[in-house]
Protein backbone atom coordinates (compact mmCIF):
# COMPACT_ATOMS: atom_id res chain seq x y z
CA MET A 1 8.81 63.73 8.23
CA PHE A 2 5.20 65.57 7.21
CA TYR A 3 3.52 62.27 6.82
CA ARG A 4 5.18 60.98 10.20
CA SER A 5 4.00 64.74 12.58
CA LYS A 6 0.50 64.07 10.36
CA PHE A 7 0.04 60.43 11.27
CA LEU A 8 0.89 61.10 15.38
CA PHE A 9 -1.01 64.10 15.57
CA LEU A 10 -4.02 61.91 13.69
CA LEU A 11 -3.33 59.29 16.57
CA ARG A 12 -3.46 62.16 19.47
CA HIS A 13 -6.78 63.59 17.98
CA ILE A 14 -8.13 60.35 18.05
CA PHE A 15 -7.10 59.15 20.90
CA GLN A 16 -8.63 63.19 22.62
CA MET A 17 -11.58 62.55 20.72
CA SER A 18 -12.36 58.80 22.24
CA VAL A 19 -11.99 60.11 25.28
CA LYS A 20 -13.83 63.21 25.73
CA SER A 21 -17.12 62.61 27.04
CA ASN A 22 -17.16 60.68 29.88
CA SER A 23 -20.04 59.25 29.58
CA ARG A 24 -19.94 57.79 26.43
CA LEU A 25 -16.50 56.22 27.07
CA PHE A 26 -17.89 54.61 30.23
CA LEU A 27 -20.99 53.16 28.14
CA SER A 28 -18.89 52.42 25.24
CA LEU A 29 -16.14 50.55 26.89
CA LEU A 30 -18.56 48.75 29.66
CA GLY A 31 -20.79 47.61 26.27
CA LEU A 32 -17.44 46.81 24.65
CA ILE A 33 -16.15 45.27 27.76
CA ILE A 34 -19.01 42.94 28.91
CA GLY A 35 -19.28 41.41 25.60
CA LEU A 36 -15.21 40.48 24.95
CA TYR A 37 -15.34 39.39 28.65
CA ILE A 38 -17.66 36.95 28.15
CA PHE A 39 -16.58 35.65 25.54
CA SER A 40 -12.80 35.37 26.59
CA LEU A 41 -13.90 33.82 29.78
CA SER A 42 -15.61 31.08 28.13
CA ASN A 43 -13.31 30.10 26.12
CA ILE A 44 -10.57 30.15 28.74
CA MET A 45 -12.88 27.40 30.30
CA LEU A 46 -14.26 25.75 27.52
CA ASP A 47 -10.86 25.05 25.70
CA SER A 48 -9.58 24.49 29.71
CA TYR A 49 -12.67 21.89 30.10
CA TYR A 50 -11.35 20.24 26.67
CA LYS A 51 -8.29 19.65 27.87
CA GLY A 52 -8.51 17.45 30.58
CA MET A 53 -10.82 16.07 28.55
CA PHE A 54 -7.84 14.74 26.10
CA ASP A 55 -5.33 14.64 29.03
CA GLN A 56 -7.21 11.34 29.82
CA VAL A 57 -7.26 10.33 26.67
CA GLU A 58 -3.42 11.23 25.94
CA GLU A 59 -2.16 9.07 28.32
CA MET A 60 -3.28 6.09 26.23
CA ASN A 61 -0.29 4.99 24.15
CA GLU A 62 -0.55 4.84 20.39
CA THR A 63 0.13 1.43 19.24
CA ALA A 64 -1.23 0.09 22.16
CA ILE A 65 -4.76 -1.82 21.79
CA VAL A 66 -7.54 -2.34 24.51
CA ALA A 67 -10.44 -4.63 24.17
CA GLU A 68 -13.21 -4.93 26.59
CA LEU A 69 -15.78 -7.69 27.58
CA SER A 70 -19.09 -7.28 29.65
CA ASN A 71 -18.88 -11.05 30.32
CA GLU A 72 -17.02 -13.76 29.45
CA ASN A 73 -17.91 -16.06 26.41
CA GLU A 74 -15.72 -19.20 25.60
CA GLU A 75 -15.74 -19.26 21.87
CA LEU A 76 -14.67 -14.86 21.52
CA LEU A 77 -12.41 -15.41 24.39
CA LYS A 78 -10.23 -17.76 22.02
CA ASP A 79 -10.97 -15.74 19.09
CA ILE A 80 -9.32 -12.55 21.20
CA ARG A 81 -6.37 -14.77 22.47
CA VAL A 82 -5.07 -15.42 18.32
CA VAL A 83 -4.43 -11.82 18.16
CA GLN A 84 -0.92 -11.70 17.11
CA ASP A 85 -0.65 -15.12 18.18
CA ASN A 86 -0.60 -14.27 21.93
CA VAL A 87 -2.13 -11.32 24.27
CA SER A 88 0.04 -9.30 25.95
CA MET A 89 -2.01 -8.44 29.32
CA GLU A 90 -4.75 -9.76 30.36
CA ALA A 91 -6.42 -7.31 33.15
CA THR A 92 -9.52 -6.77 35.19
CA ALA A 93 -10.24 -4.96 38.31
CA SER A 94 -12.12 -5.61 41.37
CA SER A 95 -15.39 -4.22 41.76
CA SER A 96 -15.27 -3.43 45.42
CA ARG A 97 -12.25 -1.38 47.16
CA PRO A 98 -11.09 -3.32 50.11
CA LEU A 99 -9.94 -1.44 53.08
CA ILE A 100 -6.06 -1.01 53.28
CA TYR A 101 -5.60 2.04 55.86
CA TYR A 102 -7.72 3.57 58.51
CA GLU A 103 -6.06 6.50 60.71
CA LYS A 104 -8.54 8.43 63.58
CA ILE A 105 -8.32 11.83 63.08
CA SER A 106 -10.52 13.18 66.34
CA ASP A 107 -13.04 11.71 68.55
CA SER A 108 -15.08 12.71 65.56
CA ALA A 109 -13.27 11.97 62.44
CA TYR A 110 -11.34 9.58 60.62
CA HIS A 111 -8.85 9.22 57.65
CA SER A 112 -9.77 5.95 55.29
CA ILE A 113 -7.90 4.26 52.29
CA THR A 114 -9.43 2.26 49.87
CA SER A 115 -8.13 0.78 46.49
CA THR A 116 -8.86 -0.39 43.55
CA PHE A 117 -7.03 -3.20 42.89
CA VAL A 118 -6.72 -4.35 39.10
CA GLY A 119 -5.18 -7.56 38.15
CA VAL A 120 -2.79 -8.71 35.55
CA SER A 121 -0.69 -10.74 33.70
CA SER A 122 2.21 -9.27 33.74
CA VAL A 123 3.00 -5.46 33.34
CA GLN A 124 5.83 -4.50 30.89
CA ASP A 125 5.18 -1.21 28.47
CA VAL A 126 1.88 -0.61 29.50
CA ILE A 127 -0.70 -0.04 32.27
CA PRO A 128 -4.39 -0.62 31.95
CA VAL A 129 -5.83 2.37 33.80
CA PHE A 130 -9.76 1.78 35.07
CA TYR A 131 -11.43 5.33 35.34
CA GLU A 132 -13.77 6.34 37.10
CA ASN A 133 -16.68 6.77 34.22
CA LYS A 134 -15.69 3.37 33.40
CA TYR A 135 -13.62 3.37 30.37
CA GLN A 136 -10.21 2.37 29.91
CA ILE A 137 -6.97 2.64 28.59
CA ALA A 138 -3.57 1.67 28.07
CA ALA A 139 -1.17 3.95 29.26
CA ASP A 140 2.75 4.32 29.33
CA VAL A 141 4.79 2.83 32.22
CA THR A 142 6.95 4.98 34.08
CA LEU A 143 8.76 2.90 36.80
CA LEU A 144 9.88 5.15 39.38
CA LYS A 145 11.24 2.37 41.89
CA GLY A 146 11.71 -1.61 42.20
CA ARG A 147 9.66 -3.45 38.81
CA LEU A 148 7.27 -4.23 37.40
CA LEU A 149 4.80 -7.45 37.77
CA SER A 150 5.68 -10.52 35.48
CA GLU A 151 3.89 -13.76 33.79
CA ASN A 152 5.83 -15.82 36.28
CA ASP A 153 4.11 -13.37 39.17
CA HIS A 154 0.57 -14.32 38.09
CA ALA A 155 2.02 -17.94 37.33
CA LEU A 156 3.27 -18.83 40.99
CA LYS A 157 0.57 -16.47 42.24
CA ASN A 158 3.11 -14.34 44.11
CA ASN A 159 1.92 -11.57 46.68
CA VAL A 160 3.16 -8.80 45.12
CA ALA A 161 2.16 -5.20 44.12
CA ILE A 162 2.77 -2.79 42.14
CA ILE A 163 1.51 0.90 43.96
CA ASP A 164 2.04 4.49 42.69
CA ARG A 165 3.80 7.40 43.94
CA PHE A 166 0.82 8.95 45.70
CA THR A 167 -0.26 5.85 47.48
CA GLU A 168 3.42 5.48 48.81
CA GLU A 169 3.18 8.83 50.39
CA MET A 170 0.27 7.93 51.75
CA LEU A 171 0.72 4.23 52.94
CA PHE A 172 4.96 4.24 53.71
CA PRO A 173 5.55 8.33 54.25
CA ASP A 174 9.29 7.69 54.60
CA GLY A 175 9.33 7.07 50.85
CA ASP A 176 10.74 3.26 51.38
CA SER A 177 8.05 1.19 49.81
CA ILE A 178 9.78 -1.57 48.55
CA GLY A 179 9.49 -4.89 50.45
CA LYS A 180 7.34 -4.09 52.30
CA THR A 181 3.54 -4.80 52.68
CA VAL A 182 0.47 -3.75 52.23
CA ARG A 183 -2.80 -5.32 54.04
CA ILE A 184 -6.02 -5.65 52.16
CA ASN A 185 -9.35 -5.62 54.52
CA ILE A 186 -7.19 -4.37 57.44
CA GLU A 187 -9.60 -4.21 60.65
CA ILE A 188 -10.72 -1.23 62.05
CA PRO A 189 -10.07 -0.70 65.95
CA GLY A 190 -12.96 -1.03 68.19
CA MET A 191 -15.32 -2.62 65.63
CA ALA A 192 -16.20 -6.03 64.91
CA ASN A 193 -13.90 -8.16 62.90
CA VAL A 194 -15.87 -9.23 59.94
CA SER A 195 -13.01 -10.73 57.90
CA THR A 196 -12.95 -14.11 60.32
CA ASN A 197 -15.78 -15.74 58.22
CA GLN A 198 -13.14 -18.41 56.58
CA GLU A 199 -16.05 -19.19 53.60
CA ASN A 200 -15.08 -15.66 52.61
CA GLU A 201 -12.02 -14.85 50.86
CA ALA A 202 -12.61 -11.82 49.70
CA THR A 203 -12.99 -10.03 53.33
CA LYS A 204 -10.17 -11.79 54.71
CA PRO A 205 -7.29 -10.37 55.91
CA HIS A 206 -3.85 -10.32 52.97
CA ASP A 207 -1.02 -9.10 52.54
CA LEU A 208 0.87 -7.98 49.33
CA THR A 209 4.29 -6.97 49.04
CA VAL A 210 5.22 -4.22 47.18
CA VAL A 211 7.85 -4.22 44.32
CA GLY A 212 7.19 -1.34 42.09
CA VAL A 213 6.18 2.12 42.35
CA ILE A 214 4.90 3.75 39.10
CA GLU A 215 4.23 7.41 38.50
CA ASN A 216 1.01 8.77 38.85
CA MET A 217 -1.83 8.27 36.86
CA TYR A 218 -4.82 10.95 35.97
CA ASN A 219 -6.87 8.95 38.57
CA SER A 220 -4.35 9.03 41.15
CA THR A 221 -3.90 12.81 40.78
CA TYR A 222 -7.17 13.48 41.50
CA SER A 223 -6.97 11.01 44.63
CA GLU A 224 -4.02 13.56 45.81
CA LEU A 225 -6.92 16.54 45.21
CA GLN A 226 -9.12 14.48 47.55
CA TYR A 227 -6.66 14.45 49.73
CA LYS A 228 -4.88 18.08 50.18
CA LYS A 229 -8.77 19.20 50.60
CA GLY A 230 -9.09 16.81 53.30
CA MET A 231 -6.02 17.77 55.40
CA LYS A 232 -6.91 21.85 55.14
CA GLN A 233 -10.40 20.25 56.69
CA LYS A 234 -9.17 18.09 59.49
CA GLY A 235 -13.08 18.03 61.38
CA ASP A 236 -14.35 16.54 58.48
CA ASN A 237 -13.86 12.83 57.62
CA MET A 238 -11.24 11.80 54.65
CA PHE A 239 -11.75 9.32 52.15
CA THR A 240 -9.31 8.04 49.43
CA ASN A 241 -9.71 5.85 46.86
CA VAL A 242 -5.81 4.50 45.25
CA THR A 243 -5.29 1.97 42.40
CA ILE A 244 -2.78 -1.21 43.05
CA TYR A 245 -1.50 -3.50 40.80
CA THR A 246 -1.40 -7.12 41.58
CA PRO A 247 -1.06 -10.35 39.02
CA LEU A 248 -4.59 -11.39 38.28
CA SER A 249 -3.78 -14.65 39.67
CA ILE A 250 -4.07 -13.02 43.29
CA LEU A 251 -7.26 -11.12 42.38
CA GLU A 252 -9.23 -14.39 41.50
CA GLU A 253 -7.79 -16.20 44.46
CA LYS A 254 -7.98 -13.46 47.55
CA LEU A 255 -10.86 -11.14 46.14
CA GLU A 256 -12.47 -14.11 44.32
CA VAL A 257 -12.41 -12.11 40.89
CA GLU A 258 -13.14 -14.68 38.09
CA ASP A 259 -13.81 -12.69 34.88
CA HIS A 260 -10.96 -11.95 32.53
CA THR A 261 -12.41 -8.46 31.10
CA LEU A 262 -9.78 -6.41 29.82
CA PHE A 263 -6.88 -7.37 27.35
CA VAL A 264 -4.19 -5.42 26.16
CA TRP A 265 -2.02 -5.24 23.21
CA LYS A 266 1.57 -3.14 23.26
CA PHE A 267 2.95 -3.20 19.24
CA GLU A 268 5.93 -2.25 18.16
CA THR A 269 4.82 -0.38 14.91
CA MET A 270 2.22 1.54 13.97
CA GLU A 271 1.35 -1.45 10.88
CA GLN A 272 1.39 -3.71 13.76
CA GLN A 273 -1.02 -2.32 15.74
CA THR A 274 -3.39 -1.32 12.73
CA PHE A 275 -3.19 -4.66 11.60
CA ALA A 276 -4.55 -5.98 14.98
CA PHE A 277 -7.02 -3.49 14.98
CA HIS A 278 -8.45 -4.63 12.14
CA THR A 279 -8.43 -8.05 12.78
CA LEU A 280 -10.32 -7.71 16.27
CA LYS A 281 -12.92 -5.93 14.22
CA SER A 282 -13.60 -8.27 12.10
CA TYR A 283 -14.22 -11.01 15.19
CA GLN A 284 -16.73 -8.30 16.72
CA HIS A 285 -18.66 -8.34 13.45
CA ILE A 286 -18.60 -12.20 13.43
CA HIS A 287 -19.91 -12.18 16.70
CA THR A 288 -22.52 -10.35 16.13
CA GLY A 289 -24.78 -11.10 18.68
CA GLN A 290 -21.76 -9.80 20.73
CA ILE A 291 -21.57 -6.70 19.37
CA GLU A 292 -22.75 -5.05 23.37
CA VAL A 293 -20.20 -6.51 25.19
CA PHE A 294 -17.10 -6.70 22.84
CA SER A 295 -15.88 -3.24 22.62
CA ILE A 296 -12.03 -2.28 21.36
CA ALA A 297 -10.01 1.37 22.03
CA SER A 298 -7.25 2.60 20.66
CA TYR A 299 -5.73 5.51 20.88
CA ALA A 300 -7.02 7.14 17.42
CA LEU A 301 -10.22 5.79 18.07
CA LEU A 302 -10.67 7.71 21.73
CA ILE A 303 -9.32 10.92 20.26
CA GLU A 304 -11.76 10.74 17.14
CA ASN A 305 -14.69 9.59 19.62
CA LEU A 306 -14.45 12.61 22.05
CA THR A 307 -13.80 14.85 19.38
CA SER A 308 -16.85 13.83 17.80
CA THR A 309 -18.89 13.91 20.69
CA LEU A 310 -17.29 17.23 21.85
CA LYS A 311 -17.35 19.50 18.53
CA PRO A 312 -20.72 19.73 18.50
CA ILE A 313 -21.15 21.31 22.12
CA LYS A 314 -18.42 23.82 21.14
CA THR A 315 -19.77 24.54 18.01
CA PHE A 316 -22.89 25.44 20.04
CA ILE A 317 -21.34 27.53 22.79
CA ASN A 318 -19.28 29.21 20.13
CA THR A 319 -22.66 30.21 17.79
CA LEU A 320 -24.32 31.53 21.28
CA LEU A 321 -21.13 33.52 22.07
CA ILE A 322 -21.51 35.10 18.74
CA LEU A 323 -24.60 36.25 19.23
CA PHE A 324 -23.90 37.82 22.76
CA LEU A 325 -21.01 39.66 20.96
CA THR A 326 -23.62 40.57 17.45
CA ILE A 327 -25.44 42.19 20.64
CA SER A 328 -23.18 44.22 22.42
CA GLY A 329 -21.78 45.53 18.89
CA VAL A 330 -25.51 46.66 18.31
CA SER A 331 -25.72 48.28 21.29
CA VAL A 332 -21.69 49.96 20.88
CA MET A 333 -22.81 51.04 17.58
CA SER A 334 -26.17 52.90 18.57
CA ILE A 335 -24.05 54.90 21.44
CA MET A 336 -21.84 55.42 18.51
CA PHE A 337 -24.58 56.81 16.40
CA PHE A 338 -25.32 59.28 19.18
CA SER A 339 -21.79 60.16 19.32
CA ILE A 340 -21.43 61.16 15.80
CA LYS A 341 -24.88 63.18 15.95
CA GLU A 342 -22.93 65.49 18.68
CA ARG A 343 -19.89 66.01 16.53
CA VAL A 344 -21.22 66.64 13.47
CA PRO A 345 -20.32 70.95 13.59
CA GLU A 346 -16.70 69.34 13.93
CA ILE A 347 -17.38 67.23 11.17
CA GLY A 348 -18.17 70.45 8.66
CA ILE A 349 -15.50 72.56 10.17
CA LYS A 350 -13.09 69.47 9.38
CA LYS A 351 -14.76 69.47 6.12
CA ALA A 352 -14.46 73.01 5.43
CA TYR A 353 -10.17 72.82 6.20
CA GLY A 354 -10.15 70.10 3.02
CA ALA A 355 -11.20 66.79 4.98
CA ASN A 356 -12.64 64.53 2.70
CA LYS A 357 -15.47 61.55 3.37
CA LEU A 358 -12.64 59.04 3.43
CA ASP A 359 -10.40 61.03 6.27
CA ILE A 360 -13.74 61.56 7.92
CA LEU A 361 -14.69 57.62 7.89
CA ILE A 362 -10.93 56.57 8.74
CA GLN A 363 -10.95 59.16 11.75
CA PHE A 364 -14.52 57.62 13.55
CA ILE A 365 -13.16 54.16 12.55
CA LEU A 366 -10.27 54.27 14.18
CA GLU A 367 -12.08 55.85 17.52
CA GLY A 368 -13.60 52.68 17.34
CA MET A 369 -11.19 50.24 17.16
CA LEU A 370 -9.16 51.88 19.97
CA LEU A 371 -12.35 51.95 22.02
CA ALA A 372 -12.31 48.05 21.20
CA LEU A 373 -8.24 47.74 22.05
CA ILE A 374 -8.76 49.49 25.09
CA GLY A 375 -11.89 47.32 26.35
CA SER A 376 -10.09 43.59 25.09
CA VAL A 377 -7.44 44.04 27.79
CA ILE A 378 -9.54 45.23 30.56
CA ALA A 379 -11.93 42.43 29.89
CA ILE A 380 -9.02 39.65 29.28
CA LEU A 381 -7.45 40.59 32.14
CA LEU A 382 -10.47 40.13 34.21
CA SER A 383 -11.29 36.72 32.25
CA ILE A 384 -7.70 35.60 32.96
CA VAL A 385 -8.12 36.83 36.95
CA THR A 386 -11.83 35.14 36.82
CA SER A 387 -10.74 32.11 35.50
CA LEU A 388 -8.15 31.51 37.95
CA VAL A 389 -10.57 32.11 41.03
CA ILE A 390 -13.01 29.90 39.20
CA GLN A 391 -9.97 26.78 39.35
CA GLN A 392 -9.27 27.41 42.84
CA TYR A 393 -12.78 27.29 43.87
CA LEU A 394 -13.42 23.98 41.50
CA GLN A 395 -10.64 22.35 42.95
CA GLU A 396 -10.57 23.09 46.70
CA SER A 397 -14.05 23.28 47.72
CA LEU A 398 -15.82 20.86 44.48
CA PHE A 399 -12.68 18.34 44.64
CA ILE A 400 -12.82 19.26 40.91
CA LEU A 401 -9.81 18.35 39.16
CA PHE A 402 -9.43 21.39 36.59
CA GLN A 403 -6.29 22.42 35.03
CA LEU A 404 -6.31 25.97 33.23
CA HIS A 405 -5.07 25.88 30.11
CA LEU A 406 -3.20 29.49 29.19
CA THR A 407 -2.12 29.78 26.18
CA ILE A 408 -0.95 32.94 24.08
CA ASP A 409 -3.68 32.54 21.78
CA LYS A 410 -6.23 32.61 24.41
CA ILE A 411 -5.27 36.52 24.32
CA LEU A 412 -4.57 37.13 20.86
CA VAL A 413 -7.78 35.76 19.91
CA PRO A 414 -9.81 38.13 21.91
CA PHE A 415 -7.43 41.12 20.83
CA PHE A 416 -8.07 39.70 16.85
CA VAL A 417 -11.97 39.28 18.01
CA SER A 418 -11.81 42.93 19.01
CA GLY A 419 -10.47 44.89 16.15
CA ILE A 420 -12.85 42.74 14.13
CA PHE A 421 -15.32 44.07 16.31
CA GLY A 422 -14.60 47.65 16.23
CA PHE A 423 -14.37 47.63 12.63
CA LEU A 424 -17.30 46.36 11.62
CA PHE A 425 -19.50 48.02 14.33
CA SER A 426 -18.39 51.59 13.68
CA LEU A 427 -18.70 51.34 9.84
CA ILE A 428 -21.89 52.46 9.66
CA PRO A 429 -21.89 55.02 12.34
CA SER A 430 -18.33 56.61 10.28
CA TYR A 431 -20.25 56.28 7.05
CA TYR A 432 -23.27 58.04 7.98
CA GLY A 433 -21.11 61.01 9.38
CA ALA A 434 -18.22 60.52 6.51
CA LYS A 435 -21.64 61.29 3.95
CA ILE A 436 -23.02 64.28 5.61
CA PRO A 437 -22.63 67.45 3.64
CA ILE A 438 -20.62 70.47 4.15
CA THR A 439 -22.82 72.68 4.24
CA ASN A 440 -25.82 70.32 6.24
CA ALA A 441 -22.75 69.89 8.66
CA ILE A 442 -21.63 73.46 8.99
CA ARG A 443 -25.45 74.74 10.00
CA PHE A 444 -26.27 71.71 12.26
CA GLU A 445 -27.36 72.81 15.91
């Protein structure tokens, strides 16, 4: 009971002495808050950015492989097509973005929707996703309604298409798209019809029947964000681009795309995937002159490449944050030196009543850690509020798809850092106060 009362008295005394001087308290907290605020905010934003980068890659199916060619090479194509006896999917994307929707919003504004058309030989388990930054993955298909594309659609040149949920919402607001048509190269009212040139199939209007709707991919989520932003500014023109999947033969015929530049495999086991991956790598080495036009991607390889790219950046930024925290800590340490010099008579009185060096040392260290704890609470709350404001600004004003990644470790790490911060930078001033002889402390003026 005695030790419990003594401990509670010590805590109360430490708190009272920590907040006794308003100016010292303000200066100490200001240095702590600035350092911990920048540290906490940078960690939240940096991890959220990394998580956004990995979210794209993590759509890749773990047992899938993507091989991409920048141009056709008959010998190389022959080697690629014999991997595991057959290619599960061949695909390519149109370089042009035909107009599929046009609506006049006002006398000076309109909304237009274009589409990147991806031709595939079939879609069963995975679907190729063509990102704006020019790399491709094979993502798992989530079919919401209808059916997927088959090899027969490609062989028979069926005028069919698969759209995503967002495209369905844009083109078919009633949500009933199966069996309805999407027109490519639509005519814009009041403008000359440039699609009547019979020699150019790629600019002629064509109809595709919707046979399936899939869940949105990352690109569609970005397009949806742009559309929502445009709806808030109806006085401006709105441009939206979506992705539509068609049989490869239709893309070749209607949009005059001939090169088969993407090959996608989906395997049942990781052992099969690993064997095929090494087989493809051997073909890549055989065609040494074709290395620059033959790339291979798998989930593990994409994660490894992304990690190796981002790790040096993260290390550099963390080094800067530690340096900034150190500078902030030195300023707090100097304030504590002045605080201890002001309280030298108090140290002398405590030593006269029996306090030893360790008691004095512990008191001032606990005071420093208490200030660090108070500063960390304020800094963490400010960093969370700031990150939410930044996220809203990026998404609603700059069309940047940015998902905030807030987890419990984003709160615990700054608390942990603040504890170390308070201990280290109060240790030297506390030791200075603890080693002052009692006679000098009592006579100090």
